[in-house]
PDB file of N, CA and C in Angstrom:
ATOM      1  N   UNK A   1       5.583   1.759 -36.867  1.00  0.00           N
ATOM      2  CA  UNK A   1       4.763   2.223 -35.769  1.00  0.00           C
ATOM      3  C   UNK A   1       3.507   1.353 -35.641  1.00  0.00           C
ATOM      4  N   UNK A   2       2.922   1.005 -36.772  1.00  0.00           N
ATOM      5  CA  UNK A   2       1.730   0.162 -36.758  1.00  0.00           C
ATOM      6  C   UNK A   2       2.042  -1.203 -36.152  1.00  0.00           C
ATOM      7  N   UNK A   3       3.239  -1.705 -36.429  1.00  0.00           N
ATOM      8  CA  UNK A   3       3.666  -3.005 -35.899  1.00  0.00           C
ATOM      9  C   UNK A   3       3.649  -2.988 -34.366  1.00  0.00           C
ATOM     10  N   UNK A   4       4.181  -1.919 -33.759  1.00  0.00           N
ATOM     11  CA  UNK A   4       4.205  -1.811 -32.296  1.00  0.00           C
ATOM     12  C   UNK A   4       2.793  -1.688 -31.728  1.00  0.00           C
ATOM     13  N   UNK A   5       1.948  -0.968 -32.429  1.00  0.00           N
ATOM     14  CA  UNK A   5       0.560  -0.828 -31.984  1.00  0.00           C
ATOM     15  C   UNK A   5      -0.137  -2.182 -31.963  1.00  0.00           C
ATOM     16  N   UNK A   6       0.054  -2.952 -33.016  1.00  0.00           N
ATOM     17  CA  UNK A   6      -0.586  -4.272 -33.100  1.00  0.00           C
ATOM     18  C   UNK A   6      -0.045  -5.200 -32.022  1.00  0.00           C
ATOM     19  N   UNK A   7       1.280  -5.185 -31.794  1.00  0.00           N
ATOM     20  CA  UNK A   7       1.866  -6.017 -30.735  1.00  0.00           C
ATOM     21  C   UNK A   7       1.308  -5.634 -29.370  1.00  0.00           C
ATOM     22  N   UNK A   8       1.212  -4.341 -29.105  1.00  0.00           N
ATOM     23  CA  UNK A   8       0.675  -3.871 -27.830  1.00  0.00           C
ATOM     24  C   UNK A   8      -0.779  -4.272 -27.675  1.00  0.00           C
ATOM     25  N   UNK A   9      -1.545  -4.122 -28.736  1.00  0.00           N
ATOM     26  CA  UNK A   9      -2.959  -4.487 -28.701  1.00  0.00           C
ATOM     27  C   UNK A   9      -3.127  -5.977 -28.410  1.00  0.00           C
ATOM     28  N   UNK A  10      -2.327  -6.816 -29.059  1.00  0.00           N
ATOM     29  CA  UNK A  10      -2.401  -8.265 -28.832  1.00  0.00           C
ATOM     30  C   UNK A  10      -1.967  -8.620 -27.410  1.00  0.00           C
ATOM     31  N   UNK A  11      -0.947  -7.947 -26.898  1.00  0.00           N
ATOM     32  CA  UNK A  11      -0.491  -8.206 -25.527  1.00  0.00           C
ATOM     33  C   UNK A  11      -1.577  -7.841 -24.522  1.00  0.00           C
ATOM     34  N   UNK A  12      -2.264  -6.737 -24.758  1.00  0.00           N
ATOM     35  CA  UNK A  12      -3.350  -6.336 -23.859  1.00  0.00           C
ATOM     36  C   UNK A  12      -4.519  -7.310 -23.929  1.00  0.00           C
ATOM     37  N   UNK A  13      -4.793  -7.852 -25.105  1.00  0.00           N
ATOM     38  CA  UNK A  13      -5.848  -8.868 -25.228  1.00  0.00           C
ATOM     39  C   UNK A  13      -5.497 -10.107 -24.413  1.00  0.00           C
ATOM     40  N   UNK A  14      -4.229 -10.548 -24.528  1.00  0.00           N
ATOM     41  CA  UNK A  14      -3.791 -11.728 -23.761  1.00  0.00           C
ATOM     42  C   UNK A  14      -3.856 -11.454 -22.271  1.00  0.00           C
ATOM     43  N   UNK A  15      -3.466 -10.250 -21.861  1.00  0.00           N
ATOM     44  CA  UNK A  15      -3.497  -9.892 -20.449  1.00  0.00           C
ATOM     45  C   UNK A  15      -4.923  -9.889 -19.918  1.00  0.00           C
ATOM     46  N   UNK A  16      -5.858  -9.423 -20.722  1.00  0.00           N
ATOM     47  CA  UNK A  16      -7.254  -9.373 -20.310  1.00  0.00           C
ATOM     48  C   UNK A  16      -7.838 -10.771 -20.124  1.00  0.00           C
ATOM     49  N   UNK A  17      -7.442 -11.707 -20.961  1.00  0.00           N
ATOM     50  CA  UNK A  17      -7.999 -13.059 -20.878  1.00  0.00           C
ATOM     51  C   UNK A  17      -7.206 -13.974 -19.952  1.00  0.00           C
ATOM     52  N   UNK A  18      -5.986 -13.584 -19.573  1.00  0.00           N
ATOM     53  CA  UNK A  18      -5.144 -14.408 -18.702  1.00  0.00           C
ATOM     54  C   UNK A  18      -5.566 -14.185 -17.255  1.00  0.00           C
ATOM     55  N   UNK A  19      -6.033 -15.227 -16.605  1.00  0.00           N
ATOM     56  CA  UNK A  19      -6.508 -15.120 -15.232  1.00  0.00           C
ATOM     57  C   UNK A  19      -5.479 -15.599 -14.210  1.00  0.00           C
ATOM     58  N   UNK A  20      -4.317 -16.080 -14.634  1.00  0.00           N
ATOM     59  CA  UNK A  20      -3.314 -16.592 -13.704  1.00  0.00           C
ATOM     60  C   UNK A  20      -2.824 -15.512 -12.750  1.00  0.00           C
ATOM     61  N   UNK A  21      -2.599 -14.317 -13.244  1.00  0.00           N
ATOM     62  CA  UNK A  21      -2.135 -13.228 -12.392  1.00  0.00           C
ATOM     63  C   UNK A  21      -3.147 -12.852 -11.335  1.00  0.00           C
ATOM     64  N   UNK A  22      -4.423 -12.910 -11.684  1.00  0.00           N
ATOM     65  CA  UNK A  22      -5.485 -12.586 -10.736  1.00  0.00           C
ATOM     66  C   UNK A  22      -5.484 -13.590  -9.599  1.00  0.00           C
ATOM     67  N   UNK A  23      -5.349 -14.857  -9.930  1.00  0.00           N
ATOM     68  CA  UNK A  23      -5.340 -15.899  -8.909  1.00  0.00           C
ATOM     69  C   UNK A  23      -4.129 -15.729  -8.001  1.00  0.00           C
ATOM     70  N   UNK A  24      -2.968 -15.432  -8.559  1.00  0.00           N
ATOM     71  CA  UNK A  24      -1.768 -15.222  -7.755  1.00  0.00           C
ATOM     72  C   UNK A  24      -1.962 -14.053  -6.803  1.00  0.00           C
ATOM     73  N   UNK A  25      -2.554 -12.984  -7.291  1.00  0.00           N
ATOM     74  CA  UNK A  25      -2.798 -11.821  -6.446  1.00  0.00           C
ATOM     75  C   UNK A  25      -3.760 -12.171  -5.323  1.00  0.00           C
ATOM     76  N   UNK A  26      -4.756 -12.992  -5.609  1.00  0.00           N
ATOM     77  CA  UNK A  26      -5.696 -13.413  -4.569  1.00  0.00           C
ATOM     78  C   UNK A  26      -4.984 -14.229  -3.499  1.00  0.00           C
ATOM     79  N   UNK A  27      -4.036 -15.067  -3.895  1.00  0.00           N
ATOM     80  CA  UNK A  27      -3.262 -15.831  -2.916  1.00  0.00           C
ATOM     81  C   UNK A  27      -2.454 -14.904  -2.015  1.00  0.00           C
ATOM     82  N   UNK A  28      -1.914 -13.838  -2.573  1.00  0.00           N
ATOM     83  CA  UNK A  28      -1.163 -12.880  -1.764  1.00  0.00           C
ATOM     84  C   UNK A  28      -2.085 -12.221  -0.749  1.00  0.00           C
ATOM     85  N   UNK A  29      -3.287 -11.852  -1.169  1.00  0.00           N
ATOM     86  CA  UNK A  29      -4.238 -11.239  -0.246  1.00  0.00           C
ATOM     87  C   UNK A  29      -4.588 -12.206   0.876  1.00  0.00           C
ATOM     88  N   UNK A  30      -4.829 -13.466   0.538  1.00  0.00           N
ATOM     89  CA  UNK A  30      -5.141 -14.474   1.555  1.00  0.00           C
ATOM     90  C   UNK A  30      -3.961 -14.644   2.505  1.00  0.00           C
ATOM     91  N   UNK A  31      -2.741 -14.684   1.975  1.00  0.00           N
ATOM     92  CA  UNK A  31      -1.553 -14.840   2.819  1.00  0.00           C
ATOM     93  C   UNK A  31      -1.412 -13.677   3.794  1.00  0.00           C
ATOM     94  N   UNK A  32      -1.668 -12.468   3.338  1.00  0.00           N
ATOM     95  CA  UNK A  32      -1.588 -11.301   4.217  1.00  0.00           C
ATOM     96  C   UNK A  32      -2.641 -11.389   5.315  1.00  0.00           C
ATOM     97  N   UNK A  33      -3.840 -11.843   4.971  1.00  0.00           N
ATOM     98  CA  UNK A  33      -4.891 -12.012   5.983  1.00  0.00           C
ATOM     99  C   UNK A  33      -4.493 -13.060   7.018  1.00  0.00           C
ATOM    100  N   UNK A  34      -3.880 -14.144   6.571  1.00  0.00           N
ATOM    101  CA  UNK A  34      -3.433 -15.179   7.502  1.00  0.00           C
ATOM    102  C   UNK A  34      -2.350 -14.628   8.423  1.00  0.00           C
ATOM    103  N   UNK A  35      -1.426 -13.859   7.873  1.00  0.00           N
ATOM    104  CA  UNK A  35      -0.380 -13.249   8.697  1.00  0.00           C
ATOM    105  C   UNK A  35      -1.003 -12.353   9.759  1.00  0.00           C
ATOM    106  N   UNK A  36      -1.981 -11.562   9.356  1.00  0.00           N
ATOM    107  CA  UNK A  36      -2.654 -10.691  10.321  1.00  0.00           C
ATOM    108  C   UNK A  36      -3.364 -11.476  11.407  1.00  0.00           C
ATOM    109  N   UNK A  37      -4.044 -12.551  11.029  1.00  0.00           N
ATOM    110  CA  UNK A  37      -4.761 -13.370  12.007  1.00  0.00           C
ATOM    111  C   UNK A  37      -3.800 -14.055  12.967  1.00  0.00           C
ATOM    112  N   UNK A  38      -2.730 -14.629  12.450  1.00  0.00           N
ATOM    113  CA  UNK A  38      -1.752 -15.296  13.318  1.00  0.00           C
ATOM    114  C   UNK A  38      -1.091 -14.278  14.239  1.00  0.00           C
ATOM    115  N   UNK A  39      -0.768 -13.122  13.706  1.00  0.00           N
ATOM    116  CA  UNK A  39      -0.179 -12.071  14.533  1.00  0.00           C
ATOM    117  C   UNK A  39      -1.119 -11.624  15.638  1.00  0.00           C
ATOM    118  N   UNK A  40      -2.415 -11.536  15.336  1.00  0.00           N
ATOM    119  CA  UNK A  40      -3.392 -11.133  16.347  1.00  0.00           C
ATOM    120  C   UNK A  40      -3.566 -12.213  17.409  1.00  0.00           C
ATOM    121  N   UNK A  41      -3.563 -13.469  17.008  1.00  0.00           N
ATOM    122  CA  UNK A  41      -3.761 -14.569  17.957  1.00  0.00           C
ATOM    123  C   UNK A  41      -2.566 -14.723  18.883  1.00  0.00           C
ATOM    124  N   UNK A  42      -1.369 -14.706  18.336  1.00  0.00           N
ATOM    125  CA  UNK A  42      -0.181 -14.942  19.148  1.00  0.00           C
ATOM    126  C   UNK A  42       0.377 -13.675  19.764  1.00  0.00           C
ATOM    127  N   UNK A  43      -0.131 -12.538  19.366  1.00  0.00           N
ATOM    128  CA  UNK A  43       0.308 -11.275  19.946  1.00  0.00           C
ATOM    129  C   UNK A  43       1.768 -10.984  19.639  1.00  0.00           C
ATOM    130  N   UNK A  44       2.318 -10.083  20.390  1.00  0.00           N
ATOM    131  CA  UNK A  44       3.728  -9.738  20.195  1.00  0.00           C
ATOM    132  C   UNK A  44       3.941  -8.751  19.069  1.00  0.00           C
ATOM    133  N   UNK A  45       2.926  -8.480  18.302  1.00  0.00           N
ATOM    134  CA  UNK A  45       3.049  -7.527  17.206  1.00  0.00           C
ATOM    135  C   UNK A  45       4.080  -7.951  16.184  1.00  0.00           C
ATOM    136  N   UNK A  46       4.471  -7.034  15.347  1.00  0.00           N
ATOM    137  CA  UNK A  46       5.433  -7.348  14.289  1.00  0.00           C
ATOM    138  C   UNK A  46       6.847  -7.460  14.838  1.00  0.00           C
ATOM    139  N   UNK A  47       7.058  -7.041  16.088  1.00  0.00           N
ATOM    140  CA  UNK A  47       8.395  -7.091  16.678  1.00  0.00           C
ATOM    141  C   UNK A  47       8.753  -8.450  17.246  1.00  0.00           C
ATOM    142  N   UNK A  48       7.769  -9.335  17.454  1.00  0.00           N
ATOM    143  CA  UNK A  48       8.041 -10.658  18.004  1.00  0.00           C
ATOM    144  C   UNK A  48       8.641 -11.591  16.968  1.00  0.00           C
ATOM    145  N   UNK A  49       9.064 -12.767  17.433  1.00  0.00           N
ATOM    146  CA  UNK A  49       9.675 -13.748  16.539  1.00  0.00           C
ATOM    147  C   UNK A  49       8.702 -14.223  15.464  1.00  0.00           C
ATOM    148  N   UNK A  50       7.467 -14.471  15.859  1.00  0.00           N
ATOM    149  CA  UNK A  50       6.472 -14.920  14.881  1.00  0.00           C
ATOM    150  C   UNK A  50       6.213 -13.821  13.856  1.00  0.00           C
ATOM    151  N   UNK A  51       6.084 -12.604  14.331  1.00  0.00           N
ATOM    152  CA  UNK A  51       5.862 -11.478  13.427  1.00  0.00           C
ATOM    153  C   UNK A  51       6.998 -11.310  12.435  1.00  0.00           C
ATOM    154  N   UNK A  52       8.234 -11.471  12.923  1.00  0.00           N
ATOM    155  CA  UNK A  52       9.394 -11.345  12.031  1.00  0.00           C
ATOM    156  C   UNK A  52       9.398 -12.457  10.990  1.00  0.00           C
ATOM    157  N   UNK A  53       9.101 -13.683  11.426  1.00  0.00           N
ATOM    158  CA  UNK A  53       9.084 -14.811  10.489  1.00  0.00           C
ATOM    159  C   UNK A  53       7.999 -14.628   9.437  1.00  0.00           C
ATOM    160  N   UNK A  54       6.824 -14.192   9.864  1.00  0.00           N
ATOM    161  CA  UNK A  54       5.727 -13.990   8.921  1.00  0.00           C
ATOM    162  C   UNK A  54       6.024 -12.837   7.963  1.00  0.00           C
ATOM    163  N   UNK A  55       6.617 -11.774   8.485  1.00  0.00           N
ATOM    164  CA  UNK A  55       6.972 -10.643   7.634  1.00  0.00           C
ATOM    165  C   UNK A  55       7.998 -11.060   6.584  1.00  0.00           C
ATOM    166  N   UNK A  56       8.972 -11.858   6.997  1.00  0.00           N
ATOM    167  CA  UNK A  56       9.970 -12.357   6.053  1.00  0.00           C
ATOM    168  C   UNK A  56       9.314 -13.220   4.979  1.00  0.00           C
ATOM    169  N   UNK A  57       8.382 -14.067   5.390  1.00  0.00           N
ATOM    170  CA  UNK A  57       7.677 -14.925   4.434  1.00  0.00           C
ATOM    171  C   UNK A  57       6.860 -14.127   3.437  1.00  0.00           C
ATOM    172  N   UNK A  58       6.115 -13.149   3.930  1.00  0.00           N
ATOM    173  CA  UNK A  58       5.301 -12.317   3.037  1.00  0.00           C
ATOM    174  C   UNK A  58       6.192 -11.526   2.085  1.00  0.00           C
ATOM    175  N   UNK A  59       7.304 -11.024   2.593  1.00  0.00           N
ATOM    176  CA  UNK A  59       8.234 -10.292   1.732  1.00  0.00           C
ATOM    177  C   UNK A  59       8.745 -11.188   0.611  1.00  0.00           C
ATOM    178  N   UNK A  60       9.063 -12.436   0.939  1.00  0.00           N
ATOM    179  CA  UNK A  60       9.533 -13.379  -0.086  1.00  0.00           C
ATOM    180  C   UNK A  60       8.444 -13.658  -1.118  1.00  0.00           C
ATOM    181  N   UNK A  61       7.206 -13.799  -0.663  1.00  0.00           N
ATOM    182  CA  UNK A  61       6.092 -14.062  -1.576  1.00  0.00           C
ATOM    183  C   UNK A  61       5.873 -12.880  -2.515  1.00  0.00           C
ATOM    184  N   UNK A  62       5.850 -11.682  -1.958  1.00  0.00           N
ATOM    185  CA  UNK A  62       5.620 -10.485  -2.774  1.00  0.00           C
ATOM    186  C   UNK A  62       6.765 -10.287  -3.763  1.00  0.00           C
ATOM    187  N   UNK A  63       8.001 -10.544  -3.321  1.00  0.00           N
ATOM    188  CA  UNK A  63       9.147 -10.419  -4.220  1.00  0.00           C
ATOM    189  C   UNK A  63       9.042 -11.409  -5.376  1.00  0.00           C
ATOM    190  N   UNK A  64       8.682 -12.649  -5.062  1.00  0.00           N
ATOM    191  CA  UNK A  64       8.524 -13.658  -6.114  1.00  0.00           C
ATOM    192  C   UNK A  64       7.401 -13.280  -7.074  1.00  0.00           C
ATOM    193  N   UNK A  65       6.316 -12.738  -6.537  1.00  0.00           N
ATOM    194  CA  UNK A  65       5.187 -12.312  -7.369  1.00  0.00           C
ATOM    195  C   UNK A  65       5.613 -11.195  -8.317  1.00  0.00           C
ATOM    196  N   UNK A  66       6.311 -10.198  -7.776  1.00  0.00           N
ATOM    197  CA  UNK A  66       6.759  -9.082  -8.609  1.00  0.00           C
ATOM    198  C   UNK A  66       7.756  -9.542  -9.666  1.00  0.00           C
ATOM    199  N   UNK A  67       8.627 -10.485  -9.313  1.00  0.00           N
ATOM    200  CA  UNK A  67       9.585 -11.023 -10.273  1.00  0.00           C
ATOM    201  C   UNK A  67       8.867 -11.766 -11.392  1.00  0.00           C
ATOM    202  N   UNK A  68       7.834 -12.527 -11.029  1.00  0.00           N
ATOM    203  CA  UNK A  68       7.077 -13.273 -12.034  1.00  0.00           C
ATOM    204  C   UNK A  68       6.357 -12.334 -12.993  1.00  0.00           C
ATOM    205  N   UNK A  69       5.836 -11.247 -12.464  1.00  0.00           N
ATOM    206  CA  UNK A  69       5.131 -10.282 -13.314  1.00  0.00           C
ATOM    207  C   UNK A  69       6.116  -9.570 -14.237  1.00  0.00           C
ATOM    208  N   UNK A  70       7.265  -9.193 -13.700  1.00  0.00           N
ATOM    209  CA  UNK A  70       8.254  -8.459 -14.492  1.00  0.00           C
ATOM    210  C   UNK A  70       8.914  -9.347 -15.542  1.00  0.00           C
ATOM    211  N   UNK A  71       9.010 -10.648 -15.257  1.00  0.00           N
ATOM    212  CA  UNK A  71       9.741 -11.559 -16.148  1.00  0.00           C
ATOM    213  C   UNK A  71       8.916 -12.043 -17.238  1.00  0.00           C
TER     214      UNK A  71
END
């Protein structure tokens, strides 16, 4: 039991000092803002071709991000 506690404690220490995930999350936030801005400029809402393409792109980014975190 102590072994698992120590492993968990060390993993949490590494997670606290690892800033790569934070930067990736910031990129996702920026990408979502860009999608919103492009959607507002070109109009058509999420139902238009541009909206569909951007939604597909964001979905791919979020999926890749979640896969990277889980893996």
